[in-house]
Protein backbone atom coordinates (compact mmCIF):
# COMPACT_ATOMS: atom_id res chain seq x y z
CA MET A 1 34.26 -60.09 -129.24
CA GLY A 2 35.52 -58.59 -126.04
CA LEU A 3 33.98 -58.96 -122.65
CA ILE A 4 32.55 -55.46 -122.78
CA ASP A 5 30.95 -56.09 -126.16
CA ARG A 6 29.37 -59.34 -124.99
CA ALA A 7 28.11 -57.64 -121.86
CA PHE A 8 26.63 -54.75 -123.85
CA GLN A 9 24.99 -57.17 -126.29
CA GLY A 10 23.46 -59.14 -123.42
CA ALA A 11 22.22 -55.95 -121.80
CA SER A 12 20.69 -54.81 -125.06
CA THR A 13 18.91 -58.13 -125.47
CA ALA A 14 17.61 -57.92 -121.92
CA LEU A 15 16.40 -54.35 -122.46
CA VAL A 16 14.60 -55.35 -125.65
CA SER A 17 12.93 -58.27 -123.86
CA ALA A 18 11.95 -56.03 -120.97
CA ALA A 19 10.56 -53.43 -123.35
CA THR A 20 8.57 -56.09 -125.18
CA ILE A 21 7.16 -57.46 -121.96
CA TYR A 22 6.30 -53.94 -120.78
CA GLY A 23 4.57 -53.13 -124.04
CA GLU A 24 2.51 -56.30 -123.89
CA ALA A 25 1.56 -55.53 -120.31
CA VAL A 26 0.50 -51.99 -121.21
CA SER A 27 -1.55 -53.29 -124.13
CA ALA A 28 -3.24 -55.88 -121.97
CA PHE A 29 -3.98 -53.28 -119.30
CA ALA A 30 -5.43 -50.88 -121.85
CA LYS A 31 -7.59 -53.64 -123.34
CA ALA A 32 -8.87 -54.63 -119.91
CA ARG A 33 -9.55 -50.99 -119.13
CA ARG A 34 -11.52 -50.56 -122.34
CA PHE A 35 -13.53 -53.70 -121.56
CA ASP A 36 -14.27 -52.43 -118.07
CA SER A 37 -15.26 -49.07 -119.53
CA VAL A 38 -17.67 -50.70 -121.99
CA GLU A 39 -19.16 -52.83 -119.24
CA SER A 40 -19.43 -49.79 -116.98
CA THR A 41 -21.11 -47.72 -119.70
CA GLN A 42 -23.53 -50.53 -120.53
CA SER A 43 -24.33 -51.05 -116.85
CA GLN A 44 -24.86 -47.33 -116.35
CA ARG A 45 -27.21 -47.15 -119.34
CA GLU A 46 -29.19 -50.15 -118.13
CA THR A 47 -29.55 -48.42 -114.79
CA GLU A 48 -30.81 -45.21 -116.41
CA TYR A 49 -33.02 -46.59 -119.23
CA GLY A 50 -33.52 -50.30 -118.50
CA LYS A 51 -32.72 -53.24 -120.79
CA ALA A 52 -35.86 -53.50 -122.93
CA HIS A 53 -35.60 -52.26 -126.53
CA GLU A 54 -37.92 -49.52 -127.72
CA ILE A 55 -36.67 -49.42 -131.32
CA ASP A 56 -36.75 -51.98 -134.15
CA GLU A 57 -33.27 -51.48 -135.60
CA ILE A 58 -33.93 -53.31 -138.90
CA ARG A 59 -37.16 -51.40 -139.52
CA GLU A 60 -35.45 -48.07 -138.85
CA ARG A 61 -32.58 -48.87 -141.21
CA MET A 62 -35.03 -49.91 -143.95
CA LYS A 63 -36.93 -46.66 -143.55
CA GLN A 64 -33.72 -44.71 -143.74
CA ALA A 65 -32.60 -46.56 -146.87
CA GLN A 66 -35.95 -46.14 -148.64
CA GLY A 67 -36.32 -42.50 -147.65
CA GLU A 68 -39.26 -41.46 -145.53
CA ASN A 69 -42.23 -39.67 -146.99
CA MET A 70 -42.38 -36.33 -145.21
CA THR A 71 -46.18 -36.45 -145.03
CA SER A 72 -46.23 -39.89 -143.40
CA ARG A 73 -46.48 -40.56 -139.70
CA PRO A 74 -43.45 -42.63 -138.66
CA GLY A 75 -45.57 -44.46 -136.11
CA ALA A 76 -48.51 -45.12 -138.44
CA MET A 77 -49.32 -48.48 -139.93
CA VAL A 78 -51.75 -47.23 -142.58
CA LEU A 79 -52.66 -43.54 -142.72
CA ASP A 80 -50.60 -40.42 -143.16
CA PHE A 81 -51.33 -36.92 -141.88
CA PRO A 82 -53.25 -35.62 -144.95
CA THR A 83 -55.51 -38.69 -144.96
CA LEU A 84 -56.34 -38.27 -141.28
CA ARG A 85 -57.12 -34.61 -141.88
CA GLN A 86 -59.44 -35.53 -144.75
CA LEU A 87 -61.27 -38.15 -142.67
CA ALA A 88 -61.85 -35.55 -139.96
CA THR A 89 -63.96 -33.52 -142.41
CA VAL A 90 -66.62 -36.26 -142.65
CA PRO A 91 -69.70 -34.73 -140.96
CA VAL A 92 -70.03 -37.35 -138.21
CA CYS A 93 -66.33 -37.18 -137.28
CA SER A 94 -66.33 -33.40 -137.52
CA ALA A 95 -69.34 -33.19 -135.19
CA ILE A 96 -67.68 -35.45 -132.60
CA ILE A 97 -64.41 -33.54 -132.69
CA GLY A 98 -66.15 -30.17 -132.60
CA THR A 99 -68.31 -31.18 -129.63
CA ARG A 100 -65.32 -32.32 -127.60
CA VAL A 101 -63.38 -29.16 -128.51
CA HIS A 102 -66.23 -26.94 -127.29
CA GLU A 103 -66.55 -28.94 -124.07
CA PHE A 104 -62.84 -28.58 -123.42
CA GLY A 105 -62.94 -24.86 -124.21
CA GLU A 106 -65.37 -24.29 -121.33
CA PHE A 107 -62.56 -25.22 -118.92
CA CYS A 108 -59.94 -22.96 -120.50
CA VAL A 109 -60.95 -19.78 -118.65
CA PRO A 110 -60.29 -18.87 -115.00
CA GLN A 111 -62.96 -20.23 -112.69
CA GLU A 112 -65.14 -17.36 -111.47
CA SER A 113 -67.33 -19.21 -108.97
CA PRO A 114 -67.23 -22.61 -107.28
CA TYR A 115 -70.33 -23.57 -109.27
CA GLY A 116 -68.81 -22.90 -112.70
CA THR A 117 -66.18 -24.53 -114.88
CA GLY A 118 -62.67 -23.22 -115.48
CA PHE A 119 -59.11 -23.67 -114.26
CA VAL A 120 -57.37 -22.69 -111.04
CA VAL A 121 -53.83 -22.46 -109.72
CA ARG A 122 -53.63 -23.70 -106.14
CA LEU A 123 -51.18 -24.95 -103.55
CA ARG A 124 -50.00 -28.51 -104.01
CA GLU A 125 -50.38 -28.89 -100.26
CA ARG A 126 -54.14 -28.59 -100.30
CA ARG A 127 -54.73 -29.42 -96.64
CA ARG A 128 -53.74 -25.98 -95.44
CA PRO A 129 -55.19 -22.63 -96.52
CA PRO A 130 -52.86 -20.32 -98.46
CA THR A 131 -51.34 -17.27 -96.89
CA ARG A 132 -52.03 -13.83 -98.27
CA ILE A 133 -48.74 -13.87 -100.18
CA GLU A 134 -49.44 -17.34 -101.58
CA ALA A 135 -52.95 -16.34 -102.65
CA LYS A 136 -51.53 -13.32 -104.46
CA ARG A 137 -48.92 -15.50 -106.15
CA ALA A 138 -51.62 -17.94 -107.26
CA GLU A 139 -53.55 -15.07 -108.86
CA GLU A 140 -50.41 -13.99 -110.74
CA LEU A 141 -49.85 -17.53 -112.00
CA MET A 142 -53.47 -17.77 -113.16
CA ARG A 143 -53.03 -14.62 -115.23
CA TRP A 144 -49.75 -16.03 -116.57
CA VAL A 145 -51.44 -19.25 -117.65
CA ASN A 146 -54.44 -17.42 -119.13
CA SER A 147 -52.16 -15.41 -121.41
CA CYS A 148 -50.02 -18.44 -122.36
CA GLY A 149 -47.03 -16.97 -120.59
CA ASP A 150 -45.60 -13.49 -120.53
CA PRO A 151 -47.94 -11.06 -122.37
CA LYS A 152 -44.86 -9.19 -123.56
CA LEU A 153 -44.19 -12.00 -126.03
CA GLY A 154 -46.77 -10.35 -128.25
CA LYS A 155 -48.55 -13.57 -129.15
CA GLU A 156 -52.21 -13.01 -129.89
CA GLU A 157 -53.18 -16.26 -128.24
CA SER A 158 -55.08 -16.92 -125.04
CA PHE A 159 -55.17 -20.14 -123.10
CA GLU A 160 -58.60 -20.95 -124.53
CA VAL A 161 -57.44 -20.47 -128.12
CA TRP A 162 -54.34 -22.57 -127.45
CA GLY A 163 -56.47 -25.31 -125.86
CA ARG A 164 -58.94 -25.47 -128.73
CA LYS A 165 -56.12 -25.70 -131.30
CA THR A 166 -54.21 -28.46 -129.57
CA VAL A 167 -57.29 -30.50 -128.65
CA ARG A 168 -58.39 -30.57 -132.27
CA ASP A 169 -54.95 -31.79 -133.36
CA SER A 170 -55.02 -34.40 -130.61
CA LEU A 171 -58.41 -35.76 -131.66
CA ILE A 172 -57.32 -35.98 -135.30
CA TYR A 173 -53.68 -37.15 -135.07
CA ASP A 174 -53.44 -38.20 -131.40
CA GLN A 175 -50.56 -35.76 -131.23
CA ARG A 176 -50.52 -32.26 -129.75
CA CYS A 177 -47.45 -30.07 -130.01
CA SER A 178 -46.56 -26.74 -128.42
CA GLU A 179 -43.26 -24.88 -128.44
CA ILE A 180 -41.97 -23.65 -125.08
CA ILE A 181 -40.11 -20.34 -125.14
CA PHE A 182 -37.48 -19.94 -122.43
CA SER A 183 -36.02 -16.83 -120.85
CA ASN A 184 -32.28 -16.15 -120.59
CA GLY A 185 -32.37 -17.68 -117.12
CA GLY A 186 -33.67 -20.99 -118.45
CA LYS A 187 -37.22 -20.61 -117.09
CA PRO A 188 -40.36 -21.03 -119.27
CA LEU A 189 -41.41 -17.64 -120.55
CA GLY A 190 -44.42 -18.75 -122.59
CA TRP A 191 -45.69 -21.29 -125.11
CA LYS A 192 -47.58 -21.47 -128.39
CA ALA A 193 -49.39 -24.13 -130.40
CA VAL A 194 -47.63 -25.73 -133.37
CA ASP A 195 -49.18 -27.68 -136.25
CA ALA A 196 -48.85 -31.25 -135.03
CA ALA A 197 -48.73 -32.59 -138.60
CA THR A 198 -45.36 -30.87 -139.11
CA ILE A 199 -43.59 -32.20 -135.99
CA ARG A 200 -41.52 -35.39 -136.00
CA ARG A 201 -39.19 -36.99 -133.54
CA ALA A 202 -35.54 -36.41 -134.36
CA ARG A 203 -33.85 -39.07 -136.50
CA LEU A 204 -32.26 -41.86 -134.51
CA THR A 205 -28.52 -41.96 -134.13
CA ASP A 206 -26.45 -45.09 -134.78
CA ALA A 207 -25.82 -45.45 -131.06
CA GLU A 208 -29.55 -45.32 -130.32
CA ARG A 209 -30.27 -47.97 -132.96
CA GLN A 210 -27.64 -50.30 -131.53
CA GLN A 211 -28.85 -49.76 -127.99
CA GLY A 212 -32.48 -50.12 -129.02
CA GLN A 213 -33.58 -47.08 -127.02
CA ARG A 214 -34.01 -43.38 -127.49
CA ASP A 215 -32.22 -40.96 -125.22
CA THR A 216 -34.51 -39.25 -122.75
CA ASP A 217 -33.34 -35.85 -124.01
CA ASP A 218 -34.08 -36.72 -127.65
CA GLY A 219 -35.35 -33.72 -129.62
CA PHE A 220 -37.85 -32.93 -132.37
CA VAL A 221 -37.85 -31.39 -135.85
CA GLN A 222 -40.41 -29.43 -137.85
CA ILE A 223 -40.87 -30.34 -141.52
CA VAL A 224 -42.52 -27.95 -143.99
CA ASN A 225 -42.57 -28.64 -147.74
CA ASP A 226 -40.37 -31.72 -147.26
CA LYS A 227 -37.66 -29.69 -145.56
CA ILE A 228 -36.54 -29.47 -141.96
CA VAL A 229 -37.14 -25.86 -141.03
CA ALA A 230 -36.62 -25.98 -137.25
CA THR A 231 -35.12 -28.23 -134.58
CA PHE A 232 -36.12 -28.40 -130.92
CA GLU A 233 -34.51 -29.79 -127.82
CA HIS A 234 -36.56 -32.19 -125.73
CA ASP A 235 -37.47 -29.48 -123.20
CA GLU A 236 -38.47 -27.00 -125.91
CA MET A 237 -41.46 -29.00 -127.15
CA MET A 238 -44.60 -30.25 -125.42
CA PHE A 239 -45.31 -33.46 -127.32
CA GLY A 240 -48.52 -35.00 -125.98
CA VAL A 241 -50.05 -38.38 -126.84
CA ARG A 242 -53.45 -39.48 -125.48
CA ARG A 243 -53.31 -43.15 -126.48
CA PRO A 244 -49.75 -44.44 -126.04
CA ARG A 245 -48.79 -48.02 -126.81
CA THR A 246 -45.79 -50.32 -126.45
CA LEU A 247 -45.67 -51.36 -130.13
CA LEU A 248 -42.10 -50.94 -131.40
CA ALA A 249 -43.32 -49.89 -134.83
CA ALA A 250 -45.28 -47.03 -133.23
CA ASN A 251 -41.96 -45.32 -132.47
CA GLY A 252 -43.46 -43.32 -129.61
CA TYR A 253 -46.29 -41.82 -131.68
CA GLY A 254 -50.00 -41.96 -130.90
CA TYR A 255 -52.84 -44.16 -132.08
CA PRO A 256 -55.58 -41.88 -133.47
CA GLU A 257 -59.18 -43.02 -133.44
CA LEU A 258 -59.53 -42.27 -137.16
CA GLU A 259 -56.88 -44.88 -137.94
CA VAL A 260 -59.11 -47.49 -136.31
CA LEU A 261 -62.28 -46.10 -137.88
CA VAL A 262 -61.07 -45.74 -141.46
CA GLY A 263 -63.28 -48.63 -142.66
CA THR A 264 -66.30 -47.46 -140.67
CA VAL A 265 -65.97 -43.91 -141.96
CA ALA A 266 -65.72 -45.22 -145.52
CA ARG A 267 -68.92 -47.22 -145.04
CA ILE A 268 -70.88 -44.28 -143.70
CA VAL A 269 -69.64 -42.12 -146.60
CA ASN A 270 -70.73 -44.79 -149.08
CA ALA A 271 -74.15 -45.07 -147.44
CA GLU A 272 -74.66 -41.32 -147.59
CA THR A 273 -73.47 -41.22 -151.19
CA PHE A 274 -75.88 -43.98 -152.17
CA ASN A 275 -78.78 -42.15 -150.58
CA ALA A 276 -77.76 -38.82 -152.12
CA VAL A 277 -77.46 -40.29 -155.62
CA ASN A 278 -81.00 -41.57 -155.27
CA PHE A 279 -82.16 -37.95 -155.42
CA THR A 280 -79.77 -36.60 -158.05
CA SER A 281 -79.05 -39.22 -160.70
CA GLY A 282 -80.82 -41.87 -162.75
CA VAL A 283 -84.44 -42.34 -163.71
CA HIS A 284 -86.26 -42.67 -160.39
CA ALA A 285 -89.66 -41.60 -161.59
CA SER A 286 -92.83 -41.67 -159.58
CA GLY A 287 -94.79 -42.48 -162.74
CA ILE A 288 -94.78 -42.61 -166.52
CA LEU A 289 -96.78 -40.29 -168.74
CA ALA A 290 -98.29 -42.30 -171.59
CA LEU A 291 -99.99 -40.39 -174.43
CA LYS A 292 -102.25 -42.16 -176.89
CA SER A 293 -102.53 -39.98 -179.98
CA ARG A 294 -102.06 -39.99 -183.74
CA MET A 295 -100.08 -36.70 -183.70
CA SER A 296 -96.96 -36.41 -185.78
CA ASN A 297 -93.55 -37.11 -184.29
CA LYS A 298 -92.51 -33.46 -184.63
CA LEU A 299 -95.48 -32.23 -182.62
CA PHE A 300 -94.90 -34.99 -180.05
CA ARG A 301 -91.30 -33.87 -179.47
CA VAL A 302 -92.43 -30.28 -178.92
CA LEU A 303 -94.99 -31.43 -176.37
CA GLN A 304 -92.40 -33.69 -174.72
CA THR A 305 -89.98 -30.78 -174.29
CA GLU A 306 -92.63 -28.56 -172.70
CA VAL A 307 -93.67 -31.32 -170.26
CA TYR A 308 -90.03 -31.98 -169.26
CA GLU A 309 -89.49 -28.31 -168.46
CA MET A 310 -92.54 -28.30 -166.19
CA LEU A 311 -92.02 -31.58 -164.34
CA GLN A 312 -88.31 -32.25 -163.86
CA GLY A 313 -86.93 -31.62 -160.36
CA VAL A 314 -83.78 -30.04 -158.97
CA SER A 315 -80.56 -31.08 -160.75
CA ALA A 316 -82.62 -32.95 -163.36
CA SER A 317 -83.87 -35.40 -160.75
CA LYS A 318 -87.21 -37.17 -160.89
CA ARG A 319 -87.46 -36.80 -164.65
CA VAL A 320 -90.75 -38.09 -166.08
CA PRO A 321 -90.54 -40.62 -168.89
CA PHE A 322 -92.78 -39.58 -171.77
CA ILE A 323 -93.84 -42.12 -174.40
CA LYS A 324 -96.13 -42.08 -177.39
CA LEU A 325 -98.46 -45.02 -177.97
CA ASP A 326 -100.51 -45.94 -181.01
CA PRO A 327 -104.17 -46.26 -179.99
CA SER A 328 -105.05 -48.40 -183.02
CA ALA A 329 -102.43 -51.00 -182.10
CA ASP A 330 -103.75 -51.35 -178.53
CA GLU A 331 -100.25 -50.66 -177.07
CA ASP A 332 -99.69 -50.61 -173.32
CA ILE A 333 -96.85 -49.99 -170.83
CA LYS A 334 -96.07 -51.32 -167.33
CA ALA A 335 -93.73 -50.02 -164.61
CA VAL A 336 -91.12 -52.55 -163.44
CA SER A 337 -89.02 -51.82 -160.30
CA LEU A 338 -85.32 -52.40 -160.93
CA SER A 339 -83.99 -51.53 -157.45
CA ARG A 340 -84.90 -52.00 -153.82
CA THR A 341 -85.86 -49.08 -151.61
CA ASN A 342 -83.68 -47.73 -148.82
CA GLN A 343 -86.17 -49.00 -146.28
CA GLU A 344 -85.79 -52.54 -147.59
CA MET A 345 -82.04 -52.29 -147.12
CA GLU A 346 -82.52 -51.15 -143.46
CA TYR A 347 -80.75 -47.93 -144.35
CA ARG A 348 -81.64 -46.18 -141.10
CA GLU A 349 -80.45 -49.05 -138.91
CA TRP A 350 -77.22 -49.28 -140.84
CA ILE A 351 -76.48 -45.57 -140.46
CA SER A 352 -77.35 -45.69 -136.75
CA TRP A 353 -75.01 -48.63 -136.18
CA LEU A 354 -72.10 -46.90 -137.94
CA LEU A 355 -72.72 -43.71 -135.97
CA ARG A 356 -72.67 -45.58 -132.67
CA VAL A 357 -69.45 -47.39 -133.58
CA ILE A 358 -67.70 -44.09 -134.35
CA CYS A 359 -68.98 -42.49 -131.13
CA ALA A 360 -67.90 -45.53 -129.11
CA GLU A 361 -64.32 -45.28 -130.40
CA TYR A 362 -64.23 -41.62 -129.35
CA GLN A 363 -65.68 -42.52 -125.92
CA MET A 364 -68.75 -40.39 -126.59
CA ASP A 365 -72.44 -41.13 -126.28
CA PRO A 366 -74.49 -40.23 -129.40
CA ALA A 367 -76.77 -38.25 -127.06
CA GLU A 368 -74.06 -35.55 -126.96
CA LEU A 369 -74.64 -35.08 -130.69
CA GLY A 370 -78.40 -35.05 -130.31
CA PHE A 371 -78.99 -38.68 -131.36
CA VAL A 372 -80.77 -40.38 -128.47
CA TYR A 373 -81.02 -44.13 -128.90
CA GLY A 374 -82.47 -46.69 -126.53
CA ASN A 375 -80.69 -49.73 -125.16
CA GLU A 376 -79.63 -52.41 -127.62
CA GLY A 377 -82.69 -54.42 -128.63
CA GLN A 378 -85.06 -52.24 -126.62
CA LYS A 379 -88.23 -51.27 -128.45
CA THR A 380 -89.50 -48.62 -126.03
CA SER A 381 -87.73 -45.83 -124.17
CA MET A 382 -89.69 -46.25 -120.92
CA ASN A 383 -86.79 -47.86 -119.02
CA ALA A 384 -83.98 -46.03 -120.82
CA ALA A 385 -81.66 -43.72 -118.89
CA PRO A 386 -82.38 -39.97 -119.27
CA ALA A 387 -80.29 -38.14 -121.85
CA GLY A 388 -78.72 -35.93 -119.15
CA GLU A 389 -77.36 -38.94 -117.25
CA ARG A 390 -76.01 -40.46 -120.45
CA ILE A 391 -74.23 -37.23 -121.37
CA THR A 392 -72.66 -37.04 -117.91
CA ALA A 393 -71.43 -40.62 -118.18
CA SER A 394 -70.11 -39.88 -121.67
CA LYS A 395 -68.04 -36.97 -120.40
CA GLU A 396 -66.68 -39.18 -117.63
CA ARG A 397 -65.31 -41.54 -120.26
CA GLY A 398 -64.03 -39.04 -122.80
CA LEU A 399 -63.64 -35.53 -121.39
CA ARG A 400 -62.22 -36.22 -117.93
CA PRO A 401 -59.15 -38.19 -119.18
CA LEU A 402 -58.48 -35.43 -121.67
CA LEU A 403 -58.50 -32.79 -118.92
CA ARG A 404 -56.30 -34.91 -116.69
CA GLY A 405 -53.70 -35.33 -119.45
CA TYR A 406 -53.49 -31.57 -119.97
CA GLU A 407 -53.13 -30.96 -116.24
CA ALA A 408 -50.11 -33.27 -116.03
CA GLU A 409 -48.48 -31.76 -119.12
CA ILE A 410 -48.89 -28.14 -118.00
CA ASN A 411 -47.63 -28.88 -114.50
CA GLN A 412 -44.61 -30.93 -115.51
CA LYS A 413 -43.49 -28.86 -118.48
CA LEU A 414 -44.40 -25.34 -117.36
CA LEU A 415 -45.70 -24.51 -113.91
CA TRP A 416 -43.44 -26.64 -111.72
CA ASN A 417 -40.39 -25.14 -113.41
CA ILE A 418 -41.27 -21.67 -112.14
CA ALA A 419 -43.46 -22.34 -109.08
CA PRO A 420 -42.95 -25.87 -107.68
CA ASP A 421 -45.26 -25.22 -104.71
CA PHE A 422 -48.31 -24.63 -106.92
CA GLU A 423 -50.26 -26.78 -109.34
CA PHE A 424 -52.58 -26.21 -112.28
CA ALA A 425 -55.97 -27.93 -112.20
CA PHE A 426 -59.25 -27.84 -114.07
CA ALA A 427 -62.13 -27.16 -111.68
CA GLY A 428 -65.89 -27.32 -111.75
CA TYR A 429 -66.15 -30.67 -113.48
CA GLY A 430 -69.36 -32.22 -112.19
CA ALA A 431 -69.82 -29.23 -109.87
CA GLN A 432 -73.18 -28.75 -108.23
CA THR A 433 -75.40 -25.82 -108.97
CA GLU A 434 -76.07 -23.36 -106.17
CA ALA A 435 -79.49 -24.90 -105.53
CA GLN A 436 -77.96 -28.39 -105.36
CA ARG A 437 -75.24 -27.15 -103.01
CA ILE A 438 -77.82 -25.63 -100.64
CA GLU A 439 -79.80 -28.85 -100.65
CA THR A 440 -76.64 -30.87 -99.92
CA ASP A 441 -75.63 -28.51 -97.11
CA GLY A 442 -79.12 -28.79 -95.64
CA LYS A 443 -78.78 -32.55 -95.48
CA ALA A 444 -75.26 -32.34 -94.06
CA VAL A 445 -76.15 -29.89 -91.29
CA ARG A 446 -78.92 -32.23 -90.17
CA THR A 447 -76.48 -35.15 -89.79
CA PHE A 448 -72.80 -34.51 -89.03
CA VAL A 449 -71.80 -30.90 -89.89
CA THR A 450 -72.32 -27.99 -87.52
CA VAL A 451 -74.12 -24.82 -88.47
CA ASN A 452 -70.99 -22.68 -88.06
CA GLU A 453 -68.98 -25.03 -90.31
CA ILE A 454 -71.56 -24.66 -93.07
CA ARG A 455 -71.58 -20.90 -92.60
CA ALA A 456 -67.77 -20.80 -92.80
CA GLU A 457 -67.86 -22.62 -96.16
CA HIS A 458 -70.10 -19.84 -97.46
CA ASP A 459 -67.93 -17.08 -95.94
CA ARG A 460 -70.51 -16.28 -93.27
CA PRO A 461 -69.68 -15.37 -89.64
CA PRO A 462 -70.56 -17.82 -86.87
CA LEU A 463 -73.80 -17.48 -84.97
CA THR A 464 -73.74 -15.25 -81.87
CA GLY A 465 -76.09 -14.30 -79.10
CA VAL A 466 -78.99 -16.53 -78.13
CA ALA A 467 -78.40 -18.75 -81.20
CA ALA A 468 -74.68 -19.24 -80.43
CA VAL A 469 -75.39 -22.46 -78.57
CA LEU A 470 -76.89 -23.89 -81.77
CA GLY A 471 -73.94 -22.94 -83.95
CA ASP A 472 -71.56 -25.58 -82.63
CA CYS A 473 -73.76 -28.63 -83.12
CA PRO A 474 -75.57 -30.28 -86.03
CA LEU A 475 -79.31 -29.80 -86.32
CA ASP A 476 -79.94 -33.49 -85.97
CA PRO A 477 -83.42 -33.99 -84.44
CA THR A 478 -82.21 -36.60 -81.97
CA LEU A 479 -79.28 -34.43 -80.89
CA MET A 480 -81.45 -31.33 -80.66
CA THR A 481 -83.91 -33.21 -78.43
CA ALA A 482 -81.06 -34.22 -76.11
CA VAL A 483 -79.70 -30.64 -76.00
CA THR A 484 -83.16 -29.29 -75.23
CA GLN A 485 -83.57 -31.75 -72.38
CA ILE A 486 -80.18 -30.73 -70.94
CA LEU A 487 -81.04 -27.03 -71.14
CA THR A 488 -84.42 -27.68 -69.54
CA ALA A 489 -82.81 -29.64 -66.73
CA GLN A 490 -80.33 -26.81 -66.15
CA SER A 491 -83.07 -24.20 -66.04
CA THR A 492 -85.09 -26.17 -63.50
CA THR A 493 -82.39 -27.57 -61.22
CA PHE A 494 -79.60 -25.01 -61.34
CA PRO A 495 -81.04 -22.40 -58.85
CA GLY A 496 -80.30 -24.66 -55.92
CA ALA A 497 -76.64 -24.54 -56.82
CA VAL A 498 -76.38 -20.80 -56.18
CA GLY A 499 -73.07 -19.94 -54.66
CA THR A 500 -71.38 -23.12 -55.88
CA GLY A 501 -69.56 -21.28 -58.66
CA ILE A 502 -71.36 -23.17 -61.43
CA GLN A 503 -73.29 -21.17 -63.98
CA PRO A 504 -75.98 -22.38 -66.39
CA MET A 505 -75.02 -23.06 -70.02
CA GLY A 506 -75.22 -19.92 -72.10
CA LEU A 507 -76.14 -17.59 -69.20
CA THR A 508 -72.70 -16.25 -68.32
CA SER A 509 -72.17 -12.57 -67.73
CA GLU A 510 -69.21 -12.33 -70.11
CA LYS A 511 -69.33 -10.14 -73.18
CA GLY A 512 -71.17 -11.73 -76.04
CA SER A 513 -73.23 -13.98 -73.76
CA MET A 514 -76.98 -14.39 -73.72
CA LEU A 515 -77.19 -11.72 -70.97
CA ASP A 516 -75.73 -9.15 -73.36
CA GLU A 517 -77.92 -10.22 -76.23
CA ALA A 518 -81.11 -10.52 -74.08
CA PRO A 519 -81.23 -7.71 -71.42
CA GLU A 520 -84.52 -9.06 -70.09
CA LEU A 521 -82.58 -11.93 -68.52
CA ARG A 522 -80.59 -9.56 -66.30
CA GLN A 523 -83.50 -9.34 -63.85
CA PHE A 524 -82.41 -12.75 -62.63
CA GLU A 525 -78.81 -11.66 -62.00
CA ASP A 526 -78.17 -10.81 -58.29
CA ASP A 527 -75.55 -8.54 -56.88
CA GLY A 528 -73.08 -11.32 -56.35
CA GLY A 529 -72.93 -12.09 -60.03
CA ASP A 530 -74.66 -15.47 -59.68
CA VAL A 531 -77.60 -16.09 -61.91
CA GLY A 532 -80.95 -17.04 -60.42
CA PRO A 533 -82.97 -15.85 -57.39
CA ALA A 534 -82.28 -17.09 -53.85
CA ASN A 535 -85.64 -18.85 -53.71
CA PRO A 536 -85.97 -21.56 -56.35
CA ALA A 537 -89.73 -21.07 -56.39
CA ASP A 538 -89.18 -17.62 -57.88
CA TRP A 539 -87.28 -19.06 -60.93
CA SER A 540 -89.01 -18.10 -64.15
CA GLY A 541 -88.62 -21.60 -65.50
CA GLY A 542 -91.28 -22.82 -63.08
CA GLY A 543 -88.99 -25.10 -61.10
CA SER A 544 -90.12 -26.21 -57.63
CA ALA A 545 -88.21 -26.65 -54.41
CA GLY A 546 -88.47 -30.36 -54.74
CA ASP A 547 -86.67 -30.24 -58.08
CA SER A 548 -83.71 -28.28 -56.72
CA GLY A 549 -82.17 -31.32 -55.13
CA ASP A 550 -81.24 -32.86 -58.51
CA GLY A 551 -77.76 -31.93 -59.67
CA VAL A 552 -76.81 -31.18 -63.25
């Protein structure tokens, strides 16, 4: 092998070694870069969503393998949607839900007076009064909310109808759903209620299962007849839950009261059924008709049929047993009770207890349903709270949180996307009547509020003329006594200060002063413009010369 060949072979070997080393370096760099990328992505996700898991990966994979029942609630431990809907038809539950729906509906109309209930759209910066343009904009937004968005959408649904629909779903499933319709510019154009029993969260992706968290922009699907008929982005659906929980198995769904009360509702149904059967089935006779006669059996059956037709009650209840006895055999019959009465079983107390348990879970006092009970263990109602106070306290527990949840949802999902300077709020909750407001104002004006401030709250002009001096001070008796003493001192001692440039309080010659309102006082005004005669003895207030030496 020549020198050139050996040199070429050595160069080739060196090039191969260099290429190998370069390839290994590139591979190591790429691996390190991928590792850094994974760490960066994980760190970024922890910064955005935190580290805690919100999903049970094994449970979700088991559900996917078994196939979910489309009528089930993914976050439920026991009951599905149809069962909850059936439980809501029980009279006690239906009355509770209906009462709360009607109470909520009273707030779903624009507020017409400060003494009534309704909703308003106001500035978020409530410390300053709105300008004329802002007040006009607030009126436009109130009309927009009252029609559930743009009226051109053609939806025959008002805000009250929408509220009643969604509140009922919320009280049954603890889930209220409304679709938001957007304009081409990406702004909310309107919204409509959707059957909450058909809405599910979108199926988890493999990445979400591994990470243990849902993406914040996760969407929703609508299922009808076991088929997905519509999909929604996260911003296209208002998905409200009243009773959230951290349980992983809940999967972000609510915790309806009926799921807790399923046993209690079953007991009250059984108690009602037992009592109803007492009047419709079985032989629950009030007596037995015994006939002592030697008539033939054929004639006895005819008589028995006629008696049954005359005495049996509705639905064949309270049928009278009819028996034939042989008088020669000295036969007799006795009534033996085979069951205890409802009173012996404390039926009324049992029903009352179940009713109170159901009302307590719904944060409602039975007085709202018309059942007024005393305190536990109390035999008389002398010291019990009035029904009106109990109803007010009941609404504080149940209705106020419901209103507050709707306020937050409407503001965050709808109003702040088109008018961030305004906010939606329910008004008139616990508002005073006009008589109560006048009584409160009367107490306030006698302590710390001036007369003109009270008049301004009622859109009245301030006091002028002789009474103007009273408009800028409270009508506190102690303060009024001090003001009267000051005015009396001015009227008796001021004449000696003629020519000093000082004028008595309220007796200036400017427009709108007491001199304009009371012309009879002008007789005391001299040519120089100073008020009061030259001789203090001539002052109408009765002041003497000896008094003129005291200064004001």
